[in-house]
N, C-alpha and C. Protein backbone atom coordinates (compact mmCIF):
# COMPACT_ATOMS: atom_id res chain seq x y z
N MET A 1 -53.64 8.76 4.23
CA MET A 1 -53.63 7.35 4.25
C MET A 1 -52.12 6.89 3.71
N PHE A 2 -51.47 6.07 4.42
CA PHE A 2 -50.08 5.54 4.31
C PHE A 2 -50.01 4.46 3.22
N GLU A 3 -49.19 4.83 1.98
CA GLU A 3 -49.22 3.81 1.18
C GLU A 3 -47.74 3.11 1.42
N ARG A 4 -47.50 1.80 1.04
CA ARG A 4 -46.22 1.25 1.18
C ARG A 4 -45.58 1.36 -0.21
N LYS A 5 -44.43 1.66 -0.34
CA LYS A 5 -43.71 1.76 -1.38
C LYS A 5 -42.78 0.36 -1.53
N ILE A 6 -42.73 -0.25 -2.77
CA ILE A 6 -41.77 -1.17 -2.88
C ILE A 6 -40.42 -0.74 -3.42
N LEU A 7 -39.66 -1.04 -2.90
CA LEU A 7 -38.21 -0.51 -3.35
C LEU A 7 -37.63 -1.46 -4.33
N PRO A 8 -36.91 -0.97 -5.23
CA PRO A 8 -36.22 -1.71 -6.18
C PRO A 8 -35.04 -2.43 -5.81
N PHE A 9 -34.73 -3.51 -6.40
CA PHE A 9 -33.80 -4.37 -5.83
C PHE A 9 -32.67 -3.92 -5.51
N TYR A 10 -32.07 -2.99 -6.48
CA TYR A 10 -30.73 -2.47 -6.30
C TYR A 10 -30.53 -1.56 -5.16
N MET A 11 -31.83 -0.99 -4.62
CA MET A 11 -31.68 -0.14 -3.36
C MET A 11 -31.79 -0.84 -2.18
N THR A 12 -32.07 -2.16 -2.18
CA THR A 12 -32.40 -2.94 -0.94
C THR A 12 -30.88 -3.52 -0.54
N TYR A 13 -29.99 -3.71 -1.38
CA TYR A 13 -28.57 -4.10 -1.03
C TYR A 13 -27.80 -3.23 -1.81
N PRO A 14 -27.28 -2.26 -0.91
CA PRO A 14 -26.31 -1.07 -1.40
C PRO A 14 -25.00 -1.45 -1.41
N LEU A 15 -24.51 -2.68 -0.79
CA LEU A 15 -23.04 -2.96 -0.64
C LEU A 15 -22.47 -3.17 -2.00
N PRO A 16 -23.07 -3.76 -3.09
CA PRO A 16 -22.24 -3.89 -4.37
C PRO A 16 -21.90 -2.45 -4.78
N MET A 17 -22.64 -1.46 -4.49
CA MET A 17 -22.39 -0.07 -5.01
C MET A 17 -21.19 0.37 -4.28
N TYR A 18 -21.10 -0.04 -3.11
CA TYR A 18 -19.91 0.58 -2.17
C TYR A 18 -18.63 -0.23 -2.76
N TYR A 19 -18.70 -1.38 -3.17
CA TYR A 19 -17.42 -2.14 -3.72
C TYR A 19 -16.88 -1.55 -5.00
N GLU A 20 -17.80 -1.12 -5.84
CA GLU A 20 -17.57 -0.53 -7.00
C GLU A 20 -16.90 0.85 -6.77
N GLU A 21 -17.32 1.62 -5.63
CA GLU A 21 -16.78 2.75 -5.47
C GLU A 21 -15.34 2.58 -4.92
N GLU A 22 -15.22 1.28 -4.23
CA GLU A 22 -13.94 1.18 -3.55
C GLU A 22 -12.89 0.96 -4.80
N ASP A 23 -13.41 0.02 -5.56
CA ASP A 23 -12.52 -0.50 -6.77
C ASP A 23 -12.18 0.67 -7.57
N SER A 24 -13.13 1.61 -7.85
CA SER A 24 -12.42 2.84 -8.55
C SER A 24 -11.63 3.59 -7.83
N ILE A 25 -11.63 3.65 -6.42
CA ILE A 25 -10.51 4.17 -5.68
C ILE A 25 -9.26 3.76 -5.67
N ILE A 26 -9.16 2.34 -5.73
CA ILE A 26 -7.94 1.54 -5.95
C ILE A 26 -7.45 1.80 -7.21
N ARG A 27 -8.11 1.87 -8.34
CA ARG A 27 -7.87 2.12 -9.84
C ARG A 27 -7.07 3.53 -9.88
N ASP A 28 -7.72 4.43 -9.18
CA ASP A 28 -7.13 5.86 -9.15
C ASP A 28 -5.64 5.88 -8.34
N LEU A 29 -5.65 5.22 -7.48
CA LEU A 29 -4.51 5.00 -6.60
C LEU A 29 -3.45 4.35 -7.60
N GLU A 30 -3.58 3.39 -8.15
CA GLU A 30 -2.86 2.49 -9.11
C GLU A 30 -2.43 3.55 -10.10
N TYR A 31 -3.08 4.13 -10.87
CA TYR A 31 -2.97 5.11 -11.97
C TYR A 31 -2.06 6.34 -11.38
N LEU A 32 -2.29 6.89 -10.19
CA LEU A 32 -1.51 7.85 -9.63
C LEU A 32 0.01 7.36 -9.36
N GLN A 33 0.06 6.10 -8.96
CA GLN A 33 1.34 5.50 -8.52
C GLN A 33 2.15 5.38 -9.96
N GLN A 34 1.56 5.12 -11.10
CA GLN A 34 2.33 5.06 -12.44
C GLN A 34 2.86 6.42 -12.70
N MET A 35 2.58 7.51 -11.93
CA MET A 35 3.17 8.95 -12.20
C MET A 35 4.32 9.22 -11.36
N TYR A 36 4.47 8.37 -10.32
CA TYR A 36 5.77 8.54 -9.42
C TYR A 36 7.00 8.90 -10.19
N PRO A 37 7.80 9.74 -9.65
CA PRO A 37 9.12 9.95 -10.19
C PRO A 37 9.78 8.55 -10.24
N SER A 38 10.96 8.50 -11.21
CA SER A 38 11.45 7.15 -11.48
C SER A 38 12.22 6.63 -10.18
N GLU A 39 12.82 7.42 -9.42
CA GLU A 39 13.57 6.87 -8.10
C GLU A 39 12.32 6.27 -7.24
N ALA A 40 11.18 7.01 -6.97
CA ALA A 40 10.16 6.56 -6.30
C ALA A 40 9.62 5.19 -6.82
N LYS A 41 9.44 5.12 -8.19
CA LYS A 41 9.00 3.75 -8.85
C LYS A 41 9.88 2.70 -8.50
N ARG A 42 11.14 2.91 -8.32
CA ARG A 42 12.14 1.72 -8.04
C ARG A 42 11.84 1.28 -6.60
N TYR A 43 11.82 2.39 -5.90
CA TYR A 43 11.59 1.98 -4.35
C TYR A 43 10.36 1.27 -4.28
N GLN A 44 9.35 1.74 -4.93
CA GLN A 44 7.89 1.15 -4.93
C GLN A 44 8.05 -0.39 -5.27
N LYS A 45 8.79 -0.71 -6.33
CA LYS A 45 9.16 -2.00 -6.69
C LYS A 45 9.74 -2.89 -5.68
N ILE A 46 10.80 -2.56 -5.01
CA ILE A 46 11.32 -2.92 -3.95
C ILE A 46 10.46 -3.48 -2.82
N ILE A 47 9.57 -2.32 -2.26
CA ILE A 47 8.76 -2.43 -1.39
C ILE A 47 7.60 -3.64 -1.87
N SER A 48 7.02 -3.65 -2.96
CA SER A 48 6.14 -4.42 -3.31
C SER A 48 6.75 -5.82 -3.51
N GLY A 49 7.97 -6.05 -3.80
CA GLY A 49 8.58 -7.48 -3.69
C GLY A 49 8.62 -7.90 -2.27
N ILE A 50 9.10 -7.15 -1.42
CA ILE A 50 9.28 -7.40 0.03
C ILE A 50 7.88 -7.77 0.65
N LEU A 51 6.68 -6.99 0.04
CA LEU A 51 5.29 -7.23 0.67
C LEU A 51 4.78 -8.53 0.09
N ASP A 52 5.22 -8.90 -1.15
CA ASP A 52 4.72 -10.17 -1.85
C ASP A 52 5.07 -11.40 -0.72
N LYS A 53 6.17 -11.25 -0.16
CA LYS A 53 6.60 -12.50 0.93
C LYS A 53 5.89 -12.38 2.16
N LEU A 54 5.21 -11.22 2.55
CA LEU A 54 4.40 -10.84 3.78
C LEU A 54 2.81 -10.98 3.17
N ASP A 55 2.55 -11.48 2.11
CA ASP A 55 1.32 -11.47 1.64
C ASP A 55 0.55 -12.70 1.69
N TYR A 56 0.22 -13.08 2.82
CA TYR A 56 -0.50 -14.31 3.16
C TYR A 56 -1.63 -14.13 4.33
N GLU A 57 -2.34 -14.97 4.40
CA GLU A 57 -3.56 -14.89 5.50
C GLU A 57 -2.87 -15.02 6.72
N GLY A 58 -3.29 -13.94 7.55
CA GLY A 58 -2.91 -13.77 9.04
C GLY A 58 -1.54 -13.13 9.00
N SER A 59 -1.15 -12.60 7.94
CA SER A 59 -0.05 -11.55 8.05
C SER A 59 -0.27 -10.46 8.73
N MET A 60 0.99 -9.71 9.34
CA MET A 60 0.68 -8.53 10.25
C MET A 60 0.01 -7.37 9.32
N ILE A 61 0.30 -7.33 7.95
CA ILE A 61 -0.34 -6.31 7.15
C ILE A 61 -1.75 -6.43 7.15
N TYR A 62 -2.23 -7.54 7.36
CA TYR A 62 -3.72 -7.61 7.27
C TYR A 62 -4.44 -7.68 8.60
N ASP A 63 -3.75 -7.28 9.65
CA ASP A 63 -4.29 -6.97 10.99
C ASP A 63 -5.28 -5.91 10.86
N GLU A 64 -6.38 -5.94 11.71
CA GLU A 64 -7.44 -4.70 11.60
C GLU A 64 -6.68 -3.40 12.07
N TYR A 65 -5.76 -3.55 13.07
CA TYR A 65 -4.98 -2.36 13.32
C TYR A 65 -3.60 -2.76 13.45
N PRO A 66 -2.84 -2.55 12.33
CA PRO A 66 -1.37 -2.88 12.37
C PRO A 66 -0.56 -2.23 13.34
N ASP A 67 0.37 -2.79 13.94
CA ASP A 67 1.19 -2.42 14.90
C ASP A 67 2.15 -1.27 14.15
N LYS A 68 1.96 0.05 14.77
CA LYS A 68 2.75 1.10 14.30
C LYS A 68 4.48 0.79 14.25
N TRP A 69 4.83 0.09 15.46
CA TRP A 69 6.22 -0.10 15.65
C TRP A 69 6.84 -1.35 14.66
N GLN A 70 5.97 -2.27 14.26
CA GLN A 70 6.27 -3.15 13.42
C GLN A 70 6.25 -2.53 11.86
N LEU A 71 5.42 -1.65 11.57
CA LEU A 71 5.67 -1.04 10.24
C LEU A 71 6.89 0.03 10.10
N TYR A 72 7.02 0.60 11.25
CA TYR A 72 8.29 1.41 11.33
C TYR A 72 9.45 0.50 11.17
N LYS A 73 9.61 -0.79 11.88
CA LYS A 73 10.76 -1.53 11.64
C LYS A 73 10.76 -2.09 10.40
N LEU A 74 9.65 -2.57 9.54
CA LEU A 74 9.73 -2.94 8.29
C LEU A 74 10.15 -1.74 7.32
N SER A 75 9.54 -0.60 7.53
CA SER A 75 10.25 0.48 6.61
C SER A 75 11.82 0.58 6.96
N ARG A 76 12.24 0.52 8.04
CA ARG A 76 13.80 0.62 8.33
C ARG A 76 14.52 -0.55 7.69
N ASP A 77 13.93 -1.68 7.59
CA ASP A 77 14.58 -2.86 7.02
C ASP A 77 14.62 -2.61 5.60
N ILE A 78 13.56 -2.14 4.86
CA ILE A 78 13.48 -1.72 3.64
C ILE A 78 14.61 -0.73 3.14
N LEU A 79 14.76 0.48 4.01
CA LEU A 79 15.63 1.42 3.83
C LEU A 79 16.89 0.85 3.85
N ASP A 80 17.28 -0.03 4.77
CA ASP A 80 18.76 -0.75 4.86
C ASP A 80 18.93 -1.46 3.62
N ARG A 81 17.95 -2.27 3.22
CA ARG A 81 18.17 -2.80 1.83
C ARG A 81 18.35 -1.94 0.64
N ILE A 82 17.72 -0.92 0.53
CA ILE A 82 17.90 0.14 -0.51
C ILE A 82 19.25 0.66 -0.36
N ARG A 83 19.70 0.89 0.94
CA ARG A 83 21.07 1.55 1.30
C ARG A 83 22.18 0.68 0.66
N ARG A 84 21.99 -0.67 0.98
CA ARG A 84 22.88 -1.77 0.65
C ARG A 84 23.06 -1.68 -0.97
N GLU A 85 21.90 -1.80 -1.53
CA GLU A 85 21.77 -2.00 -3.11
C GLU A 85 22.57 -0.77 -3.69
N GLU A 86 22.12 0.41 -3.12
CA GLU A 86 22.73 1.69 -3.64
C GLU A 86 24.26 1.69 -3.59
N GLU A 87 24.82 1.24 -2.33
CA GLU A 87 26.19 0.97 -2.13
C GLU A 87 26.98 0.15 -3.06
N LYS A 88 26.33 -0.94 -3.40
CA LYS A 88 26.88 -2.00 -4.26
C LYS A 88 26.87 -1.25 -5.70
N GLU A 89 25.93 -0.47 -6.18
CA GLU A 89 25.75 0.20 -7.39
C GLU A 89 26.99 1.16 -7.55
N ASN A 90 27.15 2.02 -6.59
CA ASN A 90 28.05 3.28 -6.25
C ASN A 90 28.75 3.21 -5.33
N PRO A 91 29.85 2.32 -5.25
CA PRO A 91 30.76 2.17 -4.04
C PRO A 91 31.55 3.57 -3.83
N ASP A 92 31.62 4.45 -4.62
CA ASP A 92 32.39 5.68 -4.52
C ASP A 92 31.54 6.84 -4.08
N SER A 93 30.44 6.77 -4.08
CA SER A 93 29.57 7.82 -3.71
C SER A 93 29.54 8.26 -2.36
N GLU A 94 29.28 9.49 -2.19
CA GLU A 94 29.35 10.13 -0.79
C GLU A 94 28.23 9.83 -0.12
N VAL A 95 28.15 9.71 1.30
CA VAL A 95 27.19 9.26 2.11
C VAL A 95 26.64 10.82 2.69
N MET A 96 25.25 10.93 2.36
CA MET A 96 24.58 12.20 2.67
C MET A 96 23.47 11.77 3.91
N PRO A 97 23.55 12.07 4.85
CA PRO A 97 22.61 11.61 5.88
C PRO A 97 21.33 12.23 5.70
N GLU A 98 21.18 13.46 5.09
CA GLU A 98 20.12 14.10 5.01
C GLU A 98 19.24 13.45 4.05
N ARG A 99 19.98 12.85 3.03
CA ARG A 99 19.06 12.24 2.00
C ARG A 99 18.50 10.83 2.52
N TRP A 100 19.23 10.08 3.41
CA TRP A 100 18.72 8.96 4.01
C TRP A 100 17.31 9.25 5.12
N GLU A 101 17.46 10.49 5.65
CA GLU A 101 16.44 10.89 6.60
C GLU A 101 15.26 10.97 5.93
N TRP A 102 15.33 11.79 4.76
CA TRP A 102 14.00 12.01 3.86
C TRP A 102 13.67 10.98 3.10
N LEU A 103 14.54 9.98 2.85
CA LEU A 103 14.41 8.78 2.03
C LEU A 103 13.64 7.75 2.88
N GLY A 104 13.99 7.80 4.18
CA GLY A 104 13.28 6.99 5.23
C GLY A 104 11.68 7.35 5.34
N ASP A 105 11.47 8.62 5.38
CA ASP A 105 10.08 9.00 5.21
C ASP A 105 9.30 8.59 4.05
N LEU A 106 9.94 8.76 2.83
CA LEU A 106 9.40 8.29 1.52
C LEU A 106 9.08 6.76 1.51
N VAL A 107 9.84 6.15 2.21
CA VAL A 107 9.80 4.57 2.17
C VAL A 107 8.53 4.23 3.14
N GLN A 108 8.55 4.90 4.23
CA GLN A 108 7.32 4.71 5.07
C GLN A 108 6.19 5.03 4.23
N ILE A 109 5.99 6.19 3.72
CA ILE A 109 4.82 6.59 3.01
C ILE A 109 4.43 5.62 1.95
N LEU A 110 5.37 5.12 1.00
CA LEU A 110 5.11 4.14 0.04
C LEU A 110 4.65 2.82 0.48
N LEU A 111 5.36 2.48 1.60
CA LEU A 111 4.85 1.23 2.35
C LEU A 111 3.59 1.33 2.73
N CYS A 112 2.98 2.43 3.22
CA CYS A 112 1.67 2.42 3.84
C CYS A 112 0.64 2.37 2.73
N TYR A 113 1.17 3.10 1.26
CA TYR A 113 0.20 2.89 0.30
C TYR A 113 -0.06 1.59 -0.36
N GLU A 114 1.30 0.87 -0.17
CA GLU A 114 1.22 -0.50 -0.95
C GLU A 114 0.29 -1.38 -0.01
N ILE A 115 0.41 -1.22 1.31
CA ILE A 115 -0.28 -2.01 2.47
C ILE A 115 -1.69 -1.70 2.09
N TYR A 116 -2.04 -0.34 2.08
CA TYR A 116 -3.61 0.08 1.77
C TYR A 116 -4.08 -0.61 0.63
N LYS A 117 -3.27 -0.78 -0.51
CA LYS A 117 -3.75 -1.20 -1.74
C LYS A 117 -3.93 -2.63 -1.58
N ARG A 118 -3.05 -3.34 -0.98
CA ARG A 118 -3.15 -4.83 -0.79
C ARG A 118 -4.35 -5.14 0.05
N ARG A 119 -4.73 -4.43 1.17
CA ARG A 119 -5.68 -4.51 2.06
C ARG A 119 -7.16 -4.34 1.33
N HIS A 120 -7.15 -3.71 0.27
CA HIS A 120 -8.51 -3.31 -0.32
C HIS A 120 -8.57 -3.83 -1.61
N ASN A 121 -7.53 -4.78 -2.05
CA ASN A 121 -7.81 -5.19 -3.35
C ASN A 121 -8.68 -6.40 -3.42
N SER A 122 -9.66 -6.10 -4.22
CA SER A 122 -11.00 -6.97 -4.21
C SER A 122 -10.51 -8.47 -5.07
N ARG A 123 -9.48 -8.26 -5.99
CA ARG A 123 -8.91 -9.51 -6.69
C ARG A 123 -8.49 -10.53 -5.58
N ARG A 124 -7.97 -10.38 -4.48
CA ARG A 124 -7.43 -11.16 -3.65
C ARG A 124 -8.52 -11.85 -2.77
N GLY A 125 -9.24 -11.05 -2.40
CA GLY A 125 -10.53 -11.42 -1.58
C GLY A 125 -10.16 -12.08 -0.30
N ILE A 126 -9.09 -11.61 0.53
CA ILE A 126 -8.58 -12.09 1.71
C ILE A 126 -9.51 -11.38 2.69
N LEU A 127 -9.49 -10.01 2.60
CA LEU A 127 -9.88 -9.15 3.52
C LEU A 127 -10.42 -7.79 2.86
N ARG A 128 -11.59 -7.33 3.24
CA ARG A 128 -12.18 -6.31 2.90
C ARG A 128 -12.56 -5.57 3.98
N PHE A 129 -12.26 -4.06 4.19
CA PHE A 129 -12.93 -3.41 5.31
C PHE A 129 -13.85 -2.67 4.96
């Protein structure tokens, strides 16, 4: 004979458990970002400051599928800003093109991590995927 089992309340709505798991992932990401090398931390602060200006409802960083070209252009603009700041600090330093090539990749990676963190941040409440 078939018996109906009554499910506990917490099993009928599993979404809160999902958000707790996502929050722990964001906390882990923030903790690991604290262990970045000093140069990467400095670039992270610059990227964070620029994204603060782009952090509004309807911004391209909150698009469901952000445009790859726009993210690439944004990372190049950030790299140009970093380059100008470093040239102001050390006007006599030599230009090493190899350094700027890998630094561009680093800026792009840091930008994607920062956008990910902002898109999934539960404190803002703008968008949750």
